[in-house]
Amino acid sequence: MHPSTTPVADAPGDAPAPVASPRRRLITPRAPARPSAAAAVHSVSAATTVLLGLVGIGAMIHEPVLIPPLAASAALVHSAPTLPLAQPRGVVIGHLIGAAAGFAVLAVAGSSAWAAALAAGLTLALLTLARTPHSPAVATAVVTVLQSPDPARFVPLLFGSTVLLVLTGCAGSRIRRTAPRYPAYWW
């Protein structure tokens, strides 16, 4: 072992990990712990239920409501409810920022793959500045540019869908007593 490295244990029973200096710790990559069967069934069924609900709403109003970024958001909210990416602020505001950036780029540059990439980068920058991390919102910007939806219909449906995702996340975390509470924070 190099003289400037000292062993540090991450948790009781863990083998010491080398540390490069007192300021910078080397991280040993590890996969997350496997969830219990009950937790996996609960999160998968909750996410699937809300996505089927979005499809049902879309069928009733004859408008596509389920878009791929919302499926990714449902996965985050129901499978990783404590992550910053899953919190209501990022889910709701993040998708609205993505839509706004997408419509802005669409107005300036039109609908193309180049413009969609630009909208994605702009959305990521805005999400970072607004402290609203939510990677699926970047995909919302891409969908907006490539699909050119009517903003008067798309934005209210997007807003309602994200609120529904958050509400089902709240409900789902209270149904199973051992589930982590969602949200970890609201704003």
N, C-alpha and C. Protein backbone atom coordinates (compact mmCIF):
# COMPACT_ATOMS: atom_id res chain seq x y z
N MET A 1 0.84 -1.17 0.00
CA MET A 1 0.00 0.00 0.00
C MET A 1 0.89 1.23 0.00
N HIS A 2 0.52 2.19 -0.81
CA HIS A 2 1.27 3.43 -0.91
C HIS A 2 1.20 4.17 0.43
N PRO A 3 2.27 4.84 0.87
CA PRO A 3 2.27 5.49 2.18
C PRO A 3 1.18 6.55 2.33
N SER A 4 0.72 7.16 1.23
CA SER A 4 -0.29 8.21 1.38
C SER A 4 -1.71 7.66 1.42
N THR A 5 -1.86 6.33 1.26
CA THR A 5 -3.20 5.76 1.32
C THR A 5 -3.39 5.08 2.66
N THR A 6 -4.60 5.20 3.15
CA THR A 6 -4.95 4.55 4.40
C THR A 6 -6.26 3.82 4.19
N PRO A 7 -6.45 2.69 4.85
CA PRO A 7 -7.70 1.96 4.67
C PRO A 7 -8.85 2.66 5.39
N VAL A 8 -10.01 2.64 4.76
CA VAL A 8 -11.23 3.18 5.36
C VAL A 8 -12.35 2.20 5.07
N ALA A 9 -13.09 1.82 6.08
CA ALA A 9 -14.22 0.91 5.89
C ALA A 9 -15.47 1.73 5.59
N ASP A 10 -16.26 1.27 4.60
CA ASP A 10 -17.50 1.96 4.24
C ASP A 10 -18.62 1.65 5.21
N ALA A 11 -18.70 0.42 5.65
CA ALA A 11 -19.77 0.01 6.56
C ALA A 11 -19.22 -1.08 7.45
N PRO A 12 -19.88 -1.34 8.57
CA PRO A 12 -19.39 -2.41 9.45
C PRO A 12 -19.28 -3.72 8.68
N GLY A 13 -18.18 -4.36 8.83
CA GLY A 13 -17.95 -5.64 8.18
C GLY A 13 -17.34 -5.54 6.80
N ASP A 14 -17.29 -4.34 6.22
CA ASP A 14 -16.70 -4.16 4.90
C ASP A 14 -15.18 -4.18 5.02
N ALA A 15 -14.57 -4.65 3.97
CA ALA A 15 -13.12 -4.60 3.92
C ALA A 15 -12.70 -3.16 3.70
N PRO A 16 -11.60 -2.75 4.27
CA PRO A 16 -11.15 -1.36 4.07
C PRO A 16 -10.88 -1.08 2.60
N ALA A 17 -11.28 0.09 2.17
CA ALA A 17 -11.02 0.53 0.79
C ALA A 17 -9.86 1.51 0.82
N PRO A 18 -8.97 1.45 -0.18
CA PRO A 18 -7.86 2.39 -0.19
C PRO A 18 -8.35 3.82 -0.42
N VAL A 19 -7.68 4.74 0.23
CA VAL A 19 -8.02 6.15 0.09
C VAL A 19 -6.80 6.86 -0.46
N ALA A 20 -7.00 7.66 -1.51
CA ALA A 20 -5.89 8.33 -2.17
C ALA A 20 -5.33 9.44 -1.29
N SER A 21 -6.16 10.14 -0.60
CA SER A 21 -5.74 11.20 0.30
C SER A 21 -6.88 11.47 1.26
N PRO A 22 -6.66 12.25 2.29
CA PRO A 22 -7.75 12.53 3.22
C PRO A 22 -8.92 13.25 2.54
N ARG A 23 -8.68 13.92 1.44
CA ARG A 23 -9.74 14.68 0.77
C ARG A 23 -10.49 13.87 -0.28
N ARG A 24 -9.84 12.95 -0.93
CA ARG A 24 -10.46 12.24 -2.05
C ARG A 24 -10.47 10.75 -1.77
N ARG A 25 -11.65 10.17 -1.81
CA ARG A 25 -11.82 8.77 -1.52
C ARG A 25 -12.01 7.98 -2.80
N LEU A 26 -11.32 6.87 -2.94
CA LEU A 26 -11.55 5.99 -4.06
C LEU A 26 -12.83 5.22 -3.81
N ILE A 27 -13.64 5.09 -4.83
CA ILE A 27 -14.92 4.41 -4.67
C ILE A 27 -14.84 3.06 -5.35
N THR A 28 -15.24 2.05 -4.64
CA THR A 28 -15.30 0.72 -5.20
C THR A 28 -16.71 0.55 -5.76
N PRO A 29 -16.85 0.39 -7.07
CA PRO A 29 -18.19 0.26 -7.66
C PRO A 29 -18.88 -1.02 -7.21
N ARG A 30 -20.13 -0.87 -6.84
CA ARG A 30 -20.92 -2.02 -6.42
C ARG A 30 -22.33 -1.85 -6.96
N ALA A 31 -22.92 -2.94 -7.32
CA ALA A 31 -24.32 -2.91 -7.74
C ALA A 31 -25.18 -2.68 -6.50
N PRO A 32 -26.34 -2.05 -6.69
CA PRO A 32 -27.21 -1.87 -5.52
C PRO A 32 -27.70 -3.22 -5.01
N ALA A 33 -28.11 -3.22 -3.77
CA ALA A 33 -28.62 -4.45 -3.18
C ALA A 33 -29.88 -4.89 -3.92
N ARG A 34 -30.07 -6.17 -4.01
CA ARG A 34 -31.26 -6.71 -4.67
C ARG A 34 -32.46 -6.45 -3.77
N PRO A 35 -33.55 -5.89 -4.32
CA PRO A 35 -34.73 -5.66 -3.48
C PRO A 35 -35.40 -6.98 -3.13
N SER A 36 -36.17 -6.97 -2.08
CA SER A 36 -36.92 -8.16 -1.73
C SER A 36 -37.95 -8.42 -2.82
N ALA A 37 -38.45 -9.64 -2.88
CA ALA A 37 -39.45 -9.98 -3.88
C ALA A 37 -40.69 -9.10 -3.72
N ALA A 38 -41.10 -8.86 -2.49
CA ALA A 38 -42.28 -8.02 -2.24
C ALA A 38 -42.04 -6.59 -2.71
N ALA A 39 -40.86 -6.06 -2.45
CA ALA A 39 -40.54 -4.68 -2.87
C ALA A 39 -40.51 -4.58 -4.39
N ALA A 40 -39.94 -5.58 -5.06
CA ALA A 40 -39.87 -5.57 -6.52
C ALA A 40 -41.26 -5.65 -7.13
N VAL A 41 -42.08 -6.55 -6.62
CA VAL A 41 -43.45 -6.68 -7.14
C VAL A 41 -44.22 -5.39 -6.89
N HIS A 42 -44.05 -4.81 -5.73
CA HIS A 42 -44.76 -3.58 -5.39
C HIS A 42 -44.37 -2.44 -6.34
N SER A 43 -43.08 -2.21 -6.53
CA SER A 43 -42.66 -1.09 -7.38
C SER A 43 -43.02 -1.31 -8.84
N VAL A 44 -42.85 -2.53 -9.32
CA VAL A 44 -43.17 -2.82 -10.72
C VAL A 44 -44.67 -2.71 -10.95
N SER A 45 -45.48 -3.24 -10.05
CA SER A 45 -46.93 -3.17 -10.24
C SER A 45 -47.44 -1.74 -10.11
N ALA A 46 -46.86 -0.95 -9.22
CA ALA A 46 -47.29 0.45 -9.08
C ALA A 46 -46.94 1.24 -10.34
N ALA A 47 -45.74 1.07 -10.85
CA ALA A 47 -45.33 1.79 -12.07
C ALA A 47 -46.18 1.35 -13.26
N THR A 48 -46.41 0.05 -13.39
CA THR A 48 -47.23 -0.45 -14.50
C THR A 48 -48.66 0.07 -14.39
N THR A 49 -49.21 0.10 -13.20
CA THR A 49 -50.58 0.58 -13.00
C THR A 49 -50.73 2.03 -13.41
N VAL A 50 -49.80 2.88 -13.00
CA VAL A 50 -49.92 4.30 -13.38
C VAL A 50 -49.73 4.48 -14.88
N LEU A 51 -48.86 3.70 -15.49
CA LEU A 51 -48.67 3.80 -16.94
C LEU A 51 -49.91 3.32 -17.70
N LEU A 52 -50.54 2.24 -17.21
CA LEU A 52 -51.80 1.79 -17.81
C LEU A 52 -52.89 2.83 -17.61
N GLY A 53 -52.86 3.51 -16.48
CA GLY A 53 -53.81 4.59 -16.24
C GLY A 53 -53.64 5.72 -17.25
N LEU A 54 -52.39 6.07 -17.55
CA LEU A 54 -52.14 7.12 -18.56
C LEU A 54 -52.64 6.69 -19.94
N VAL A 55 -52.45 5.41 -20.26
CA VAL A 55 -52.95 4.90 -21.54
C VAL A 55 -54.48 4.97 -21.55
N GLY A 56 -55.10 4.59 -20.43
CA GLY A 56 -56.56 4.64 -20.34
C GLY A 56 -57.10 6.05 -20.50
N ILE A 57 -56.45 7.00 -19.85
CA ILE A 57 -56.86 8.41 -19.99
C ILE A 57 -56.72 8.85 -21.44
N GLY A 58 -55.62 8.49 -22.06
CA GLY A 58 -55.41 8.82 -23.47
C GLY A 58 -56.47 8.22 -24.37
N ALA A 59 -56.86 6.98 -24.10
CA ALA A 59 -57.89 6.33 -24.91
C ALA A 59 -59.24 7.03 -24.74
N MET A 60 -59.54 7.47 -23.53
CA MET A 60 -60.82 8.16 -23.28
C MET A 60 -60.89 9.52 -23.98
N ILE A 61 -59.77 10.23 -24.02
CA ILE A 61 -59.80 11.57 -24.62
C ILE A 61 -59.27 11.57 -26.05
N HIS A 62 -58.94 10.39 -26.56
CA HIS A 62 -58.43 10.23 -27.93
C HIS A 62 -57.19 11.10 -28.18
N GLU A 63 -56.28 11.04 -27.22
CA GLU A 63 -55.04 11.81 -27.28
C GLU A 63 -53.94 10.96 -26.66
N PRO A 64 -52.77 10.87 -27.29
CA PRO A 64 -51.69 10.10 -26.65
C PRO A 64 -51.19 10.81 -25.40
N VAL A 65 -51.28 10.13 -24.28
CA VAL A 65 -50.84 10.72 -23.01
C VAL A 65 -49.54 10.07 -22.56
N LEU A 66 -49.37 8.80 -22.81
CA LEU A 66 -48.15 8.11 -22.41
C LEU A 66 -47.07 8.36 -23.46
N ILE A 67 -46.00 9.02 -23.04
CA ILE A 67 -44.84 9.21 -23.89
C ILE A 67 -43.66 8.54 -23.19
N PRO A 68 -42.64 8.11 -23.92
CA PRO A 68 -41.53 7.39 -23.30
C PRO A 68 -40.91 8.07 -22.07
N PRO A 69 -40.71 9.40 -22.07
CA PRO A 69 -40.11 9.99 -20.87
C PRO A 69 -40.95 9.79 -19.60
N LEU A 70 -42.27 9.69 -19.74
CA LEU A 70 -43.11 9.46 -18.57
C LEU A 70 -42.93 8.04 -18.03
N ALA A 71 -42.68 7.09 -18.91
CA ALA A 71 -42.39 5.73 -18.46
C ALA A 71 -41.10 5.70 -17.65
N ALA A 72 -40.10 6.45 -18.11
CA ALA A 72 -38.84 6.53 -17.36
C ALA A 72 -39.06 7.22 -16.01
N SER A 73 -39.89 8.24 -15.99
CA SER A 73 -40.20 8.92 -14.72
C SER A 73 -40.91 7.98 -13.76
N ALA A 74 -41.85 7.20 -14.26
CA ALA A 74 -42.56 6.24 -13.41
C ALA A 74 -41.58 5.23 -12.81
N ALA A 75 -40.62 4.79 -13.61
CA ALA A 75 -39.62 3.84 -13.10
C ALA A 75 -38.82 4.47 -11.97
N LEU A 76 -38.43 5.73 -12.12
CA LEU A 76 -37.67 6.40 -11.06
C LEU A 76 -38.51 6.58 -9.80
N VAL A 77 -39.72 7.09 -9.97
CA VAL A 77 -40.58 7.39 -8.82
C VAL A 77 -40.88 6.12 -8.03
N HIS A 78 -41.16 5.02 -8.73
CA HIS A 78 -41.60 3.81 -8.03
C HIS A 78 -40.47 2.85 -7.68
N SER A 79 -39.34 2.94 -8.36
CA SER A 79 -38.24 2.00 -8.06
C SER A 79 -37.08 2.63 -7.31
N ALA A 80 -36.96 3.95 -7.36
CA ALA A 80 -35.87 4.65 -6.67
C ALA A 80 -36.41 5.93 -6.04
N PRO A 81 -37.40 5.81 -5.15
CA PRO A 81 -38.12 6.98 -4.65
C PRO A 81 -37.30 7.94 -3.80
N THR A 82 -36.14 7.55 -3.35
CA THR A 82 -35.35 8.45 -2.52
C THR A 82 -34.31 9.25 -3.30
N LEU A 83 -34.11 8.91 -4.58
CA LEU A 83 -33.13 9.63 -5.39
C LEU A 83 -33.61 11.05 -5.69
N PRO A 84 -32.68 12.00 -5.78
CA PRO A 84 -33.06 13.35 -6.18
C PRO A 84 -33.79 13.39 -7.53
N LEU A 85 -33.44 12.50 -8.45
CA LEU A 85 -34.07 12.45 -9.77
C LEU A 85 -35.55 12.09 -9.70
N ALA A 86 -35.98 11.49 -8.61
CA ALA A 86 -37.37 11.02 -8.49
C ALA A 86 -38.27 11.99 -7.73
N GLN A 87 -37.74 13.06 -7.20
CA GLN A 87 -38.53 13.94 -6.35
C GLN A 87 -39.51 14.80 -7.17
N PRO A 88 -40.64 15.18 -6.57
CA PRO A 88 -41.68 15.92 -7.30
C PRO A 88 -41.18 17.15 -8.04
N ARG A 89 -40.30 17.89 -7.43
CA ARG A 89 -39.77 19.10 -8.08
C ARG A 89 -39.15 18.77 -9.43
N GLY A 90 -38.33 17.73 -9.47
CA GLY A 90 -37.69 17.33 -10.71
C GLY A 90 -38.66 16.73 -11.70
N VAL A 91 -39.60 15.92 -11.20
CA VAL A 91 -40.54 15.25 -12.09
C VAL A 91 -41.45 16.26 -12.77
N VAL A 92 -42.13 17.09 -12.00
CA VAL A 92 -43.12 18.00 -12.57
C VAL A 92 -42.43 19.18 -13.27
N ILE A 93 -41.61 19.92 -12.54
CA ILE A 93 -40.97 21.11 -13.11
C ILE A 93 -39.98 20.70 -14.21
N GLY A 94 -39.30 19.59 -14.00
CA GLY A 94 -38.33 19.14 -15.00
C GLY A 94 -38.97 18.88 -16.36
N HIS A 95 -40.10 18.17 -16.36
CA HIS A 95 -40.77 17.91 -17.64
C HIS A 95 -41.29 19.20 -18.27
N LEU A 96 -41.77 20.14 -17.45
CA LEU A 96 -42.24 21.42 -18.00
C LEU A 96 -41.07 22.22 -18.59
N ILE A 97 -39.92 22.17 -17.94
CA ILE A 97 -38.73 22.83 -18.49
C ILE A 97 -38.34 22.16 -19.81
N GLY A 98 -38.38 20.83 -19.85
CA GLY A 98 -38.05 20.11 -21.07
C GLY A 98 -38.99 20.48 -22.21
N ALA A 99 -40.28 20.57 -21.91
CA ALA A 99 -41.25 20.94 -22.94
C ALA A 99 -41.00 22.38 -23.41
N ALA A 100 -40.76 23.28 -22.46
CA ALA A 100 -40.52 24.69 -22.83
C ALA A 100 -39.27 24.81 -23.71
N ALA A 101 -38.21 24.13 -23.34
CA ALA A 101 -36.99 24.17 -24.14
C ALA A 101 -37.24 23.55 -25.52
N GLY A 102 -37.98 22.46 -25.54
CA GLY A 102 -38.29 21.81 -26.81
C GLY A 102 -39.10 22.72 -27.72
N PHE A 103 -40.11 23.39 -27.18
CA PHE A 103 -40.92 24.29 -28.01
C PHE A 103 -40.12 25.51 -28.45
N ALA A 104 -39.23 25.99 -27.59
CA ALA A 104 -38.39 27.14 -27.96
C ALA A 104 -37.46 26.79 -29.13
N VAL A 105 -36.80 25.65 -29.02
CA VAL A 105 -35.90 25.22 -30.09
C VAL A 105 -36.70 24.90 -31.35
N LEU A 106 -37.84 24.29 -31.20
CA LEU A 106 -38.70 23.99 -32.35
C LEU A 106 -39.08 25.26 -33.09
N ALA A 107 -39.39 26.33 -32.35
CA ALA A 107 -39.77 27.61 -32.97
C ALA A 107 -38.61 28.24 -33.72
N VAL A 108 -37.40 28.08 -33.19
CA VAL A 108 -36.23 28.72 -33.79
C VAL A 108 -35.60 27.86 -34.89
N ALA A 109 -35.49 26.55 -34.65
CA ALA A 109 -34.72 25.69 -35.55
C ALA A 109 -35.55 24.66 -36.30
N GLY A 110 -36.82 24.53 -35.97
CA GLY A 110 -37.65 23.54 -36.65
C GLY A 110 -37.45 22.15 -36.09
N SER A 111 -38.09 21.18 -36.73
CA SER A 111 -38.06 19.80 -36.26
C SER A 111 -37.01 19.01 -37.04
N SER A 112 -35.93 18.66 -36.35
CA SER A 112 -34.88 17.81 -36.92
C SER A 112 -34.13 17.14 -35.79
N ALA A 113 -33.37 16.15 -36.13
CA ALA A 113 -32.55 15.48 -35.11
C ALA A 113 -31.53 16.45 -34.52
N TRP A 114 -31.00 17.36 -35.35
CA TRP A 114 -30.04 18.35 -34.86
C TRP A 114 -30.70 19.26 -33.83
N ALA A 115 -31.89 19.72 -34.14
CA ALA A 115 -32.61 20.60 -33.21
C ALA A 115 -32.98 19.84 -31.94
N ALA A 116 -33.34 18.57 -32.06
CA ALA A 116 -33.67 17.77 -30.89
C ALA A 116 -32.47 17.63 -29.95
N ALA A 117 -31.29 17.44 -30.54
CA ALA A 117 -30.08 17.35 -29.73
C ALA A 117 -29.79 18.67 -29.03
N LEU A 118 -30.00 19.75 -29.74
CA LEU A 118 -29.82 21.07 -29.14
C LEU A 118 -30.81 21.29 -27.99
N ALA A 119 -32.06 20.89 -28.20
CA ALA A 119 -33.07 21.02 -27.14
C ALA A 119 -32.71 20.18 -25.92
N ALA A 120 -32.16 19.01 -26.16
CA ALA A 120 -31.73 18.15 -25.04
C ALA A 120 -30.64 18.83 -24.23
N GLY A 121 -29.65 19.38 -24.92
CA GLY A 121 -28.57 20.08 -24.20
C GLY A 121 -29.07 21.30 -23.46
N LEU A 122 -29.95 22.06 -24.09
CA LEU A 122 -30.53 23.23 -23.43
C LEU A 122 -31.32 22.82 -22.19
N THR A 123 -32.09 21.76 -22.31
CA THR A 123 -32.87 21.27 -21.16
C THR A 123 -31.95 20.85 -20.02
N LEU A 124 -30.91 20.13 -20.33
CA LEU A 124 -29.97 19.71 -19.29
C LEU A 124 -29.37 20.92 -18.59
N ALA A 125 -29.00 21.93 -19.35
CA ALA A 125 -28.45 23.15 -18.74
C ALA A 125 -29.48 23.83 -17.84
N LEU A 126 -30.71 23.94 -18.31
CA LEU A 126 -31.75 24.58 -17.52
C LEU A 126 -32.10 23.78 -16.26
N LEU A 127 -32.13 22.46 -16.38
CA LEU A 127 -32.40 21.62 -15.21
C LEU A 127 -31.31 21.79 -14.17
N THR A 128 -30.09 21.89 -14.63
CA THR A 128 -28.96 22.08 -13.72
C THR A 128 -29.05 23.42 -13.02
N LEU A 129 -29.32 24.48 -13.78
CA LEU A 129 -29.45 25.81 -13.20
C LEU A 129 -30.62 25.91 -12.23
N ALA A 130 -31.71 25.23 -12.55
CA ALA A 130 -32.90 25.28 -11.70
C ALA A 130 -32.85 24.29 -10.54
N ARG A 131 -31.78 23.52 -10.46
CA ARG A 131 -31.63 22.49 -9.43
C ARG A 131 -32.82 21.54 -9.40
N THR A 132 -33.23 21.11 -10.60
CA THR A 132 -34.34 20.17 -10.74
C THR A 132 -33.89 18.97 -11.56
N PRO A 133 -33.05 18.12 -11.00
CA PRO A 133 -32.52 17.00 -11.78
C PRO A 133 -33.62 16.00 -12.13
N HIS A 134 -33.75 15.71 -13.41
CA HIS A 134 -34.69 14.67 -13.84
C HIS A 134 -34.36 14.33 -15.29
N SER A 135 -33.55 13.30 -15.48
CA SER A 135 -33.08 12.95 -16.82
C SER A 135 -34.19 12.66 -17.82
N PRO A 136 -35.33 12.06 -17.44
CA PRO A 136 -36.38 11.86 -18.43
C PRO A 136 -36.91 13.17 -19.03
N ALA A 137 -36.75 14.28 -18.33
CA ALA A 137 -37.20 15.57 -18.85
C ALA A 137 -36.40 15.98 -20.09
N VAL A 138 -35.16 15.52 -20.17
CA VAL A 138 -34.34 15.79 -21.35
C VAL A 138 -34.97 15.09 -22.56
N ALA A 139 -35.48 13.90 -22.33
CA ALA A 139 -36.15 13.17 -23.41
C ALA A 139 -37.47 13.85 -23.80
N THR A 140 -38.12 14.52 -22.86
CA THR A 140 -39.33 15.27 -23.20
C THR A 140 -39.02 16.36 -24.22
N ALA A 141 -37.88 17.03 -24.06
CA ALA A 141 -37.48 18.05 -25.03
C ALA A 141 -37.27 17.43 -26.41
N VAL A 142 -36.66 16.26 -26.44
CA VAL A 142 -36.42 15.58 -27.71
C VAL A 142 -37.75 15.19 -28.37
N VAL A 143 -38.66 14.62 -27.59
CA VAL A 143 -39.97 14.24 -28.12
C VAL A 143 -40.71 15.47 -28.65
N THR A 144 -40.62 16.56 -27.91
CA THR A 144 -41.29 17.79 -28.32
C THR A 144 -40.78 18.26 -29.68
N VAL A 145 -39.49 18.28 -29.86
CA VAL A 145 -38.92 18.74 -31.14
C VAL A 145 -39.24 17.77 -32.26
N LEU A 146 -39.12 16.49 -32.03
CA LEU A 146 -39.31 15.51 -33.11
C LEU A 146 -40.78 15.28 -33.46
N GLN A 147 -41.67 15.43 -32.49
CA GLN A 147 -43.08 15.16 -32.74
C GLN A 147 -43.90 16.41 -33.02
N SER A 148 -43.40 17.58 -32.65
CA SER A 148 -44.08 18.87 -32.85
C SER A 148 -45.54 18.85 -32.38
N PRO A 149 -45.79 18.49 -31.12
CA PRO A 149 -47.18 18.45 -30.65
C PRO A 149 -47.76 19.86 -30.50
N ASP A 150 -49.08 19.94 -30.44
CA ASP A 150 -49.76 21.20 -30.20
C ASP A 150 -49.53 21.58 -28.73
N PRO A 151 -48.86 22.71 -28.44
CA PRO A 151 -48.57 23.06 -27.05
C PRO A 151 -49.81 23.21 -26.18
N ALA A 152 -50.91 23.68 -26.76
CA ALA A 152 -52.13 23.88 -25.98
C ALA A 152 -52.70 22.56 -25.47
N ARG A 153 -52.40 21.47 -26.13
CA ARG A 153 -52.85 20.15 -25.67
C ARG A 153 -51.76 19.42 -24.92
N PHE A 154 -50.54 19.52 -25.44
CA PHE A 154 -49.43 18.75 -24.90
C PHE A 154 -49.06 19.17 -23.47
N VAL A 155 -48.91 20.46 -23.25
CA VAL A 155 -48.43 20.93 -21.94
C VAL A 155 -49.41 20.59 -20.81
N PRO A 156 -50.72 20.84 -20.95
CA PRO A 156 -51.63 20.43 -19.86
C PRO A 156 -51.64 18.92 -19.61
N LEU A 157 -51.57 18.14 -20.68
CA LEU A 157 -51.53 16.68 -20.51
C LEU A 157 -50.24 16.25 -19.83
N LEU A 158 -49.14 16.87 -20.20
CA LEU A 158 -47.85 16.56 -19.58
C LEU A 158 -47.88 16.93 -18.10
N PHE A 159 -48.38 18.11 -17.79
CA PHE A 159 -48.47 18.55 -16.40
C PHE A 159 -49.34 17.59 -15.59
N GLY A 160 -50.52 17.27 -16.10
CA GLY A 160 -51.41 16.34 -15.39
C GLY A 160 -50.79 14.97 -15.20
N SER A 161 -50.10 14.50 -16.21
CA SER A 161 -49.46 13.18 -16.13
C SER A 161 -48.37 13.16 -15.08
N THR A 162 -47.57 14.22 -15.02
CA THR A 162 -46.49 14.24 -14.02
C THR A 162 -47.05 14.36 -12.61
N VAL A 163 -48.11 15.13 -12.44
CA VAL A 163 -48.76 15.22 -11.13
C VAL A 163 -49.31 13.85 -10.73
N LEU A 164 -49.92 13.14 -11.69
CA LEU A 164 -50.43 11.80 -11.41
C LEU A 164 -49.30 10.85 -11.01
N LEU A 165 -48.15 10.94 -11.68
CA LEU A 165 -47.00 10.10 -11.30
C LEU A 165 -46.57 10.38 -9.86
N VAL A 166 -46.53 11.64 -9.50
CA VAL A 166 -46.13 12.01 -8.14
C VAL A 166 -47.15 11.51 -7.12
N LEU A 167 -48.42 11.70 -7.41
CA LEU A 167 -49.46 11.26 -6.47
C LEU A 167 -49.47 9.75 -6.30
N THR A 168 -49.27 9.00 -7.39
CA THR A 168 -49.22 7.55 -7.24
C THR A 168 -47.95 7.11 -6.50
N GLY A 169 -46.88 7.88 -6.66
CA GLY A 169 -45.67 7.60 -5.87
C GLY A 169 -45.94 7.78 -4.38
N CYS A 170 -46.65 8.85 -4.04
CA CYS A 170 -47.01 9.09 -2.63
C CYS A 170 -47.89 7.97 -2.10
N ALA A 171 -48.92 7.63 -2.86
CA ALA A 171 -49.84 6.58 -2.42
C ALA A 171 -49.14 5.23 -2.31
N GLY A 172 -48.34 4.91 -3.32
CA GLY A 172 -47.64 3.63 -3.31
C GLY A 172 -46.68 3.48 -2.15
N SER A 173 -46.06 4.56 -1.74
CA SER A 173 -45.11 4.46 -0.63
C SER A 173 -45.81 4.32 0.72
N ARG A 174 -47.08 4.61 0.76
CA ARG A 174 -47.82 4.49 2.01
C ARG A 174 -48.59 3.18 2.11
N ILE A 175 -48.76 2.50 0.99
CA ILE A 175 -49.46 1.22 0.99
C ILE A 175 -48.59 0.14 1.63
N ARG A 176 -47.32 0.11 1.25
CA ARG A 176 -46.39 -0.87 1.81
C ARG A 176 -45.63 -0.23 2.96
N ARG A 177 -45.84 -0.71 4.13
CA ARG A 177 -45.27 -0.08 5.34
C ARG A 177 -43.76 0.02 5.35
N THR A 178 -43.08 -0.92 4.75
CA THR A 178 -41.62 -0.91 4.79
C THR A 178 -41.01 -0.16 3.61
N ALA A 179 -41.84 0.36 2.72
CA ALA A 179 -41.33 1.10 1.57
C ALA A 179 -40.77 2.44 2.02
N PRO A 180 -39.73 2.94 1.35
CA PRO A 180 -39.25 4.28 1.67
C PRO A 180 -40.34 5.30 1.38
N ARG A 181 -40.46 6.29 2.22
CA ARG A 181 -41.48 7.33 2.04
C ARG A 181 -41.14 8.20 0.84
N TYR A 182 -42.15 8.40 0.01
CA TYR A 182 -42.03 9.29 -1.14
C TYR A 182 -42.99 10.43 -0.92
N PRO A 183 -42.57 11.63 -1.15
CA PRO A 183 -41.26 12.07 -1.59
C PRO A 183 -40.31 12.25 -0.42
N ALA A 184 -39.04 12.27 -0.73
CA ALA A 184 -38.02 12.58 0.28
C ALA A 184 -38.10 14.07 0.62
N TYR A 185 -38.47 14.88 -0.37
CA TYR A 185 -38.73 16.32 -0.18
C TYR A 185 -39.62 16.78 -1.32
N TRP A 186 -40.38 17.83 -1.06
CA TRP A 186 -41.30 18.34 -2.07
C TRP A 186 -40.65 19.40 -2.94
N TRP A 187 -39.96 20.30 -2.34
CA TRP A 187 -39.43 21.43 -3.11
C TRP A 187 -38.01 21.60 -2.80
